[in-house]
Protein backbone atom coordinates (compact mmCIF):
# COMPACT_ATOMS: atom_id res chain seq x y z
CA GLU A 1 41.82 -4.70 -67.83
CA ARG A 2 44.14 -3.73 -65.06
CA GLY A 3 41.17 -1.97 -63.01
CA GLU A 4 39.17 -5.11 -63.35
CA ARG A 5 41.80 -7.47 -62.30
CA GLU A 6 42.60 -5.16 -59.32
CA ALA A 7 38.86 -5.30 -58.44
CA ALA A 8 38.66 -9.12 -58.76
CA GLU A 9 41.73 -9.45 -56.50
CA TRP A 10 40.32 -7.16 -53.96
CA ILE A 11 36.91 -8.72 -53.85
CA ALA A 12 38.57 -12.11 -53.28
CA ARG A 13 40.55 -10.64 -50.33
CA ARG A 14 37.34 -9.03 -48.85
CA LEU A 15 35.43 -12.40 -49.24
CA GLN A 16 38.13 -14.21 -47.52
CA ALA A 17 38.40 -11.66 -44.92
CA GLY A 18 34.74 -12.16 -44.42
CA GLY A 19 35.14 -15.99 -43.74
CA CYS A 20 34.76 -17.29 -47.27
CA PRO A 21 37.46 -18.98 -49.02
CA ALA A 22 37.70 -17.22 -52.77
CA VAL A 23 39.95 -17.31 -55.60
CA VAL A 24 40.43 -15.39 -58.93
CA GLU A 25 39.80 -17.52 -61.99
CA GLU A 26 41.49 -16.13 -65.19
CA GLU A 27 39.13 -16.51 -68.14
CA GLU A 28 39.02 -15.58 -71.87
CA PHE A 29 36.08 -13.68 -73.50
CA LEU A 30 35.30 -12.54 -76.88
CA ASP A 31 35.59 -8.58 -76.70
CA GLY A 32 32.68 -6.77 -78.58
CA TYR A 33 29.44 -4.66 -77.70
CA ALA A 34 30.34 -1.30 -79.16
CA GLN A 35 32.76 -1.97 -81.55
CA VAL A 36 31.15 -5.21 -82.97
CA ILE A 37 27.59 -3.58 -83.26
CA GLY A 38 29.09 -0.28 -84.48
CA ARG A 39 30.79 -2.05 -87.43
CA LEU A 40 27.53 -3.97 -88.23
CA ALA A 41 25.89 -0.81 -88.35
CA GLY A 42 28.54 0.71 -90.70
CA VAL A 43 28.08 -2.26 -93.04
CA SER A 44 24.25 -1.73 -93.10
CA ALA A 45 24.71 2.02 -93.99
CA ALA A 46 27.10 1.19 -96.56
CA ALA A 47 24.79 -1.38 -98.25
CA GLY A 48 21.74 0.99 -98.12
CA THR A 49 23.92 3.94 -99.56
CA THR A 50 25.09 1.56 -102.59
CA ALA A 51 21.35 0.53 -103.09
CA LEU A 52 20.33 4.23 -103.27
CA LEU A 53 23.11 4.76 -105.94
CA SER A 54 22.63 1.68 -108.09
CA ALA A 55 19.44 -0.08 -108.67
CA ARG A 56 21.82 -3.15 -109.84
CA ALA A 57 23.17 -3.58 -106.45
CA ARG A 58 19.85 -3.59 -104.49
CA ARG A 59 19.68 -7.44 -104.35
CA LEU A 60 23.31 -7.77 -102.97
CA ALA A 61 22.62 -4.89 -100.58
CA SER A 62 19.23 -6.30 -99.38
CA ALA A 63 21.11 -9.68 -98.79
CA ALA A 64 24.01 -7.82 -96.71
CA ALA A 65 21.55 -5.66 -94.43
CA ALA A 66 19.36 -8.98 -93.88
CA ALA A 67 22.71 -10.80 -92.68
CA VAL A 68 23.49 -7.64 -90.54
CA THR A 69 19.88 -7.77 -88.81
CA LEU A 70 20.40 -11.44 -87.95
CA ALA A 71 24.04 -10.90 -86.79
CA VAL A 72 23.00 -8.02 -84.49
CA ALA A 73 20.07 -10.21 -83.23
CA ASP A 74 22.43 -13.20 -82.74
CA ASP A 75 25.09 -11.10 -80.75
CA ILE A 76 22.87 -9.20 -78.29
CA SER A 77 20.82 -12.17 -77.56
CA ASN A 78 23.86 -14.54 -76.64
CA GLY A 79 23.32 -16.63 -79.65
CA PRO A 80 26.39 -18.26 -81.37
CA ARG A 81 27.84 -14.90 -81.91
CA VAL A 82 29.16 -15.76 -85.58
CA PHE A 83 30.26 -12.18 -86.46
CA ARG A 84 31.89 -11.56 -82.92
CA ARG A 85 33.81 -14.84 -83.18
CA ALA A 86 35.04 -13.87 -86.80
CA THR A 87 36.00 -10.37 -85.89
CA ALA A 88 36.51 -9.51 -82.10
CA PRO A 89 39.75 -10.34 -80.40
CA ARG A 90 39.85 -12.64 -77.32
CA LYS A 91 40.74 -11.12 -74.17
CA THR A 92 41.35 -11.95 -70.69
CA THR A 93 39.01 -11.17 -67.69
CA TRP A 94 39.00 -12.27 -64.16
CA ASN A 95 36.17 -13.84 -62.34
CA VAL A 96 36.15 -14.31 -58.27
CA VAL A 97 34.49 -17.43 -56.96
CA GLY A 98 34.07 -18.10 -53.21
CA SER A 99 32.37 -20.96 -51.54
CA CYS A 100 30.65 -20.85 -47.93
CA GLY A 101 27.76 -22.36 -46.10
CA ASP A 102 27.80 -26.06 -45.75
CA GLU A 103 30.53 -27.44 -47.92
CA ALA A 104 29.41 -31.07 -47.54
CA ALA A 105 25.68 -30.14 -48.67
CA HIS A 106 24.23 -31.70 -51.90
CA ARG A 107 22.51 -28.59 -52.69
CA THR A 108 23.78 -25.12 -53.93
CA LEU A 109 22.87 -21.57 -54.10
CA VAL A 110 24.79 -19.74 -56.62
CA LEU A 111 24.84 -15.71 -56.02
CA LEU A 112 25.90 -13.94 -59.34
CA ALA A 113 27.41 -10.49 -59.57
CA HIS A 114 29.57 -8.57 -61.77
CA HIS A 115 32.50 -6.22 -60.89
CA ASP A 116 33.09 -4.75 -64.46
CA ALA A 117 31.72 -1.17 -65.23
CA ALA A 118 30.08 0.08 -68.53
CA PRO A 119 31.35 2.99 -70.71
CA THR A 120 28.77 5.79 -70.76
CA GLY A 121 27.42 7.48 -73.80
CA LYS A 122 24.79 9.86 -75.05
CA ILE A 123 22.36 7.10 -75.99
CA PHE A 124 22.03 6.62 -72.06
CA ASP A 125 20.44 10.03 -71.38
CA GLU A 126 17.48 9.29 -69.38
CA ARG A 127 15.40 12.34 -69.98
CA LEU A 128 13.17 10.73 -72.55
CA GLN A 129 12.07 8.20 -70.18
CA VAL A 130 11.48 10.71 -67.35
CA TRP A 131 9.52 12.76 -70.10
CA PHE A 132 7.44 9.81 -70.90
CA GLY A 133 6.67 8.91 -67.44
CA GLN A 134 5.66 12.51 -66.34
CA ARG A 135 3.42 12.80 -69.61
CA PHE A 136 1.99 9.19 -69.57
CA PRO A 137 2.08 7.85 -66.04
CA GLY A 138 -0.98 5.77 -66.42
CA LEU A 139 0.45 3.98 -69.69
CA LEU A 140 3.88 3.60 -67.84
CA GLU A 141 2.17 1.78 -64.98
CA ARG A 142 0.69 -0.56 -67.36
CA ILE A 143 4.13 -1.38 -68.94
CA ASP A 144 6.04 -4.04 -66.95
CA THR A 145 8.73 -4.60 -69.63
CA SER A 146 11.55 -2.16 -70.31
CA LEU A 147 12.00 -0.16 -73.40
CA PRO A 148 13.17 -2.25 -76.33
CA LEU A 149 16.30 0.19 -77.11
CA TRP A 150 17.89 -2.68 -79.09
CA TRP A 151 15.00 -2.83 -81.58
CA ALA A 152 16.02 0.47 -82.82
CA MET A 153 19.46 -0.89 -83.70
CA LEU A 154 17.68 -3.72 -85.34
CA GLY A 155 15.27 -1.54 -87.20
CA GLY A 156 17.79 0.51 -89.23
CA PRO A 157 19.32 -2.83 -91.18
CA ALA A 158 16.08 -4.37 -91.35
CA LEU A 159 14.67 -1.17 -93.23
CA VAL A 160 17.45 -1.36 -95.68
CA ALA A 161 16.92 -5.13 -96.24
CA ILE A 162 13.22 -4.48 -97.17
CA GLY A 163 13.62 -1.06 -98.91
CA ALA A 164 16.44 -2.76 -101.27
CA ALA A 165 14.39 -5.86 -101.82
CA ARG A 166 11.21 -3.76 -102.78
CA GLY A 167 12.92 -0.75 -104.39
CA ARG A 168 11.56 1.59 -101.84
CA ARG A 169 13.91 4.63 -101.86
CA GLY A 170 12.22 6.25 -98.63
CA MET A 171 12.55 2.95 -96.72
CA LEU A 172 16.08 2.87 -97.87
CA GLY A 173 16.89 6.38 -96.93
CA SER A 174 15.29 5.70 -93.44
CA GLY A 175 17.29 2.85 -92.91
CA VAL A 176 20.50 4.28 -93.83
CA ALA A 177 19.85 7.19 -91.58
CA ALA A 178 18.96 4.85 -88.72
CA SER A 179 22.16 2.79 -89.37
CA ALA A 180 24.15 6.02 -89.49
CA LEU A 181 22.91 7.02 -86.20
CA GLY A 182 23.62 3.65 -84.94
CA VAL A 183 27.43 3.99 -86.12
CA ALA A 184 27.51 7.36 -84.28
CA ALA A 185 25.80 6.09 -81.15
CA PHE A 186 28.32 3.19 -80.70
CA ARG A 187 31.25 5.02 -81.63
CA ASP A 188 30.44 7.53 -79.05
CA ILE A 189 30.20 4.60 -76.50
CA ALA A 190 33.52 3.20 -77.71
CA ARG A 191 35.06 6.54 -76.95
CA SER A 192 33.36 7.42 -73.62
CA PRO A 193 34.77 6.90 -70.17
CA ILE A 194 34.01 4.16 -67.99
CA VAL A 195 31.36 4.98 -65.27
CA PRO A 196 32.04 4.80 -61.40
CA GLY A 197 29.67 1.63 -61.39
CA ALA A 198 28.31 2.10 -57.79
CA SER A 199 24.83 0.77 -58.31
CA ASP A 200 25.81 -1.14 -61.69
CA ASN A 201 27.03 -3.42 -60.00
CA LEU A 202 28.99 -2.72 -56.98
CA THR A 203 25.89 -2.83 -54.91
CA ALA A 204 25.66 -6.35 -55.88
CA VAL A 205 29.26 -7.15 -54.82
CA ALA A 206 28.64 -5.45 -51.72
CA ILE A 207 25.78 -8.13 -51.08
CA LEU A 208 28.16 -11.08 -51.72
CA VAL A 209 30.58 -9.64 -49.19
CA ALA A 210 27.74 -9.15 -46.57
CA ILE A 211 26.37 -12.78 -47.31
CA ALA A 212 29.87 -14.11 -46.48
CA GLU A 213 30.10 -12.37 -43.33
CA ARG A 214 26.52 -13.32 -42.12
CA LEU A 215 27.08 -17.05 -43.00
CA ALA A 216 30.43 -16.98 -41.19
CA ALA A 217 28.56 -15.52 -37.95
CA GLU A 218 25.39 -17.52 -38.26
CA PRO A 219 26.45 -20.88 -40.33
CA ILE A 220 23.97 -22.90 -41.97
CA GLU A 221 23.59 -26.67 -42.70
CA GLY A 222 22.14 -28.35 -45.75
CA LEU A 223 23.19 -25.72 -48.49
CA ARG A 224 26.46 -24.68 -50.14
CA VAL A 225 26.48 -20.98 -51.08
CA VAL A 226 28.85 -19.97 -54.01
CA LEU A 227 29.65 -16.25 -54.25
CA ALA A 228 30.59 -15.58 -57.94
CA SER A 229 31.53 -12.18 -59.29
CA CYS A 230 32.15 -12.18 -63.08
CA GLY A 231 34.18 -9.89 -65.27
CA ALA A 232 33.44 -8.64 -68.74
CA GLU A 233 29.59 -8.55 -68.08
CA GLU A 234 29.11 -5.10 -69.62
CA VAL A 235 30.36 -6.55 -73.07
CA VAL A 236 26.96 -8.25 -73.17
CA GLN A 237 28.06 -11.20 -71.38
CA GLY A 238 31.66 -12.34 -71.08
CA GLY A 239 33.08 -13.60 -67.97
CA ILE A 240 30.04 -15.72 -67.33
CA TYR A 241 30.88 -18.22 -70.14
CA GLY A 242 34.00 -18.99 -68.53
CA PHE A 243 32.18 -19.60 -65.10
CA ALA A 244 29.81 -21.83 -66.96
CA ARG A 245 32.68 -23.86 -68.69
CA ARG A 246 34.39 -24.22 -65.45
CA HIS A 247 31.70 -24.80 -62.82
CA PHE A 248 28.45 -26.03 -64.61
CA PRO A 249 29.72 -29.76 -65.02
CA GLU A 250 30.08 -30.01 -61.25
CA LEU A 251 26.59 -28.13 -60.65
CA ASP A 252 23.43 -30.37 -60.53
CA ARG A 253 20.58 -28.90 -62.23
CA GLU A 254 18.15 -30.46 -59.65
CA ARG A 255 20.03 -29.34 -56.69
CA THR A 256 21.32 -25.73 -57.88
CA TRP A 257 19.55 -22.26 -58.02
CA PHE A 258 21.00 -19.16 -59.55
CA LEU A 259 20.15 -15.72 -58.16
CA ASN A 260 21.53 -13.08 -60.08
CA LEU A 261 22.24 -9.64 -58.38
CA GLU A 262 22.07 -6.84 -60.82
CA THR A 263 22.04 -2.84 -60.42
CA LEU A 264 20.49 -2.68 -56.78
CA GLY A 265 20.78 1.09 -56.11
CA SER A 266 17.60 2.46 -57.52
CA PRO A 267 14.57 3.20 -55.02
CA LYS A 268 12.59 0.33 -55.63
CA LEU A 269 13.39 -3.48 -55.37
CA ILE A 270 12.16 -5.60 -58.24
CA LEU A 271 12.27 -9.36 -59.26
CA LEU A 272 12.76 -9.88 -62.86
CA GLU A 273 10.86 -12.77 -64.40
CA GLY A 274 12.62 -12.65 -67.65
CA GLU A 275 14.77 -10.99 -70.08
CA GLY A 276 15.58 -10.83 -73.93
CA PRO A 277 17.03 -7.89 -76.09
CA VAL A 278 14.95 -9.31 -79.07
CA VAL A 279 12.73 -12.19 -78.01
CA MET A 280 11.70 -12.21 -74.31
CA GLU A 281 12.52 -15.36 -72.30
CA ASP A 282 11.39 -16.09 -68.84
CA TYR A 283 13.78 -17.56 -66.67
CA HIS A 284 13.81 -21.18 -65.86
CA ASP A 285 11.44 -22.71 -63.24
CA ARG A 286 8.76 -20.15 -62.21
CA ASP A 287 8.51 -22.11 -58.59
CA PHE A 288 11.89 -20.50 -57.79
CA ARG A 289 10.62 -17.07 -58.54
CA ASP A 290 7.39 -17.78 -56.70
CA LEU A 291 9.68 -18.84 -53.66
CA ILE A 292 11.64 -15.82 -53.79
CA GLY A 293 8.31 -13.83 -53.63
CA ARG A 294 7.22 -15.59 -50.49
CA VAL A 295 10.59 -15.18 -48.71
CA ALA A 296 10.40 -11.43 -49.46
CA GLU A 297 6.79 -11.46 -48.30
CA ARG A 298 7.68 -13.19 -44.95
CA ALA A 299 10.71 -11.13 -44.44
CA GLY A 300 8.27 -7.72 -44.78
CA VAL A 301 10.44 -6.52 -47.84
CA PRO A 302 8.31 -4.70 -50.72
CA MET A 303 9.56 -6.43 -53.95
CA ARG A 304 7.60 -5.82 -57.17
CA ARG A 305 7.05 -8.70 -59.51
CA GLY A 306 6.29 -9.27 -62.95
CA MET A 307 9.16 -6.97 -64.51
CA ARG A 308 11.05 -7.95 -67.50
CA ALA A 309 14.04 -6.51 -68.94
CA ARG A 310 14.96 -5.84 -72.71
CA ASN A 311 18.73 -5.78 -71.79
CA SER A 312 20.67 -8.93 -71.07
CA THR A 313 22.39 -10.06 -67.75
CA ASP A 314 24.59 -13.05 -66.88
CA ALA A 315 21.38 -14.74 -65.65
CA VAL A 316 20.41 -15.90 -69.25
CA ILE A 317 23.47 -18.31 -69.17
CA PRO A 318 22.37 -20.53 -66.40
CA SER A 319 18.63 -20.23 -67.25
CA ARG A 320 19.22 -21.62 -70.69
CA ALA A 321 21.41 -24.46 -69.24
CA GLY A 322 18.37 -25.26 -67.26
CA TYR A 323 19.03 -24.15 -63.73
CA PRO A 324 16.33 -22.38 -61.84
CA THR A 325 17.29 -18.84 -62.11
CA ALA A 326 15.98 -15.26 -61.06
CA THR A 327 17.40 -11.71 -60.98
CA LEU A 328 17.03 -9.27 -58.17
CA ALA A 329 17.30 -5.61 -59.53
CA SER A 330 15.85 -2.18 -58.81
CA MET A 331 14.10 0.74 -60.72
CA ASP A 332 12.93 4.42 -60.04
CA ARG A 333 9.59 5.77 -60.46
CA TYR A 334 9.93 5.82 -64.21
CA LYS A 335 10.82 2.09 -64.23
CA ALA A 336 14.37 2.89 -65.17
CA LEU A 337 17.61 2.17 -63.57
CA SER A 338 18.88 5.11 -61.84
CA HIS A 339 22.13 6.63 -63.17
CA TYR A 340 22.16 3.76 -65.76
CA HIS A 341 25.73 3.90 -67.49
CA GLN A 342 26.06 7.41 -66.43
CA MET A 343 28.87 9.17 -64.72
CA THR A 344 26.52 9.88 -61.85
CA ASP A 345 26.63 6.39 -60.79
CA THR A 346 28.45 7.04 -57.69
CA PRO A 347 28.03 6.18 -53.97
CA GLU A 348 26.25 9.18 -53.10
CA ASN A 349 23.38 8.28 -55.49
CA VAL A 350 22.94 4.77 -54.35
CA HIS A 351 19.64 3.94 -52.50
CA TYR A 352 21.11 1.95 -49.76
CA ARG A 353 17.70 0.92 -48.37
CA THR A 354 17.14 -1.20 -51.55
CA VAL A 355 20.57 -2.70 -51.35
CA ARG A 356 19.68 -3.56 -47.64
CA GLN A 357 16.54 -5.08 -48.98
CA ALA A 358 18.13 -7.13 -51.33
CA LEU A 359 20.35 -8.36 -48.60
CA VAL A 360 17.55 -9.40 -46.57
CA VAL A 361 15.74 -11.31 -49.27
CA THR A 362 19.03 -13.09 -50.34
CA GLU A 363 19.97 -14.22 -46.94
CA ALA A 364 16.31 -15.23 -45.95
CA LEU A 365 16.42 -17.28 -49.49
CA ALA A 366 19.60 -19.13 -48.70
CA ARG A 367 18.16 -20.19 -45.08
CA GLU A 368 14.99 -21.20 -46.67
CA LEU A 369 16.67 -23.46 -49.20
CA ALA A 370 18.77 -24.96 -46.62
CA VAL A 371 16.09 -25.92 -44.12
CA ASN A 372 13.39 -26.95 -46.67
CA PRO A 373 14.34 -30.33 -48.27
CA TRP A 374 11.21 -30.42 -50.25
CA ILE A 375 12.17 -27.52 -52.44
């Protein structure tokens, strides 16, 4: 927590030095992610084991595992988060919010980043995806959605629920094994160190600072630009909820756009069209994504479209609230995030050309929104 607060205060000072008034806003969030999902996996493993040992307990075990499946899906999809609210402690995070551009404008572009970093873990080893890309390059090229890693976590309790309901011991055993692996994986994450976070997501913070400096040097009229770096994103969304509670009431859905900046240190710039750990959701308002595509093309920036993520980002919150939303991200030749949640996510491994490309597109988008009243 101390490091996150210090980072927020540093970013605020840096934005102010760049000509953008900024404040640090203290917010509450529900802690979770590794601890919450790990506990749920443990409940599933215990239910399955009980069903294997006692036929009489199978109905109760099936109900418990089904509830776990729903709880995991609810949590990772940013639903009501019933289990997290009942078991996880409330903690403090710090968002940085600055405002520049034309403060009197009726139209607003919100640039989102996050300044917290994630814990590492063995599950983030990228060798399997590299092997798949090298072995099946043609198949990889046809896949524009990232691997559904969360489905494996959902599979364990789902197998327990179905196996217990039908009396299938083999299915039960598979579900117990998968759930036990989930317990081990998330316990490993909970105990692992925090990564340096250069690409994920200080590359995005750097763009906020650069935009502040550029708009101070070459001001725009007709558009207010809000620069927001949220905390606690890596717990599967935390600080963004505080930002929404505080700022959404003052942001007109007909005159506000959100561009999320996420993990921009890989070799290729991409525009995410949507996201969803369980069910894929395209971001609200395709016209906005098409506008970004045209802006990038006019700026001469190569940017791949059509990509969708099976992870969640802060962008899902404004998108569900009805704001036109998009996410700029990056990927490597294997359609993976380079050094994702690994200790090698350091400055020397960032592809700075991609960061610059993202900056060019972001600034060009702001200037386009400022001068075109028909958008």
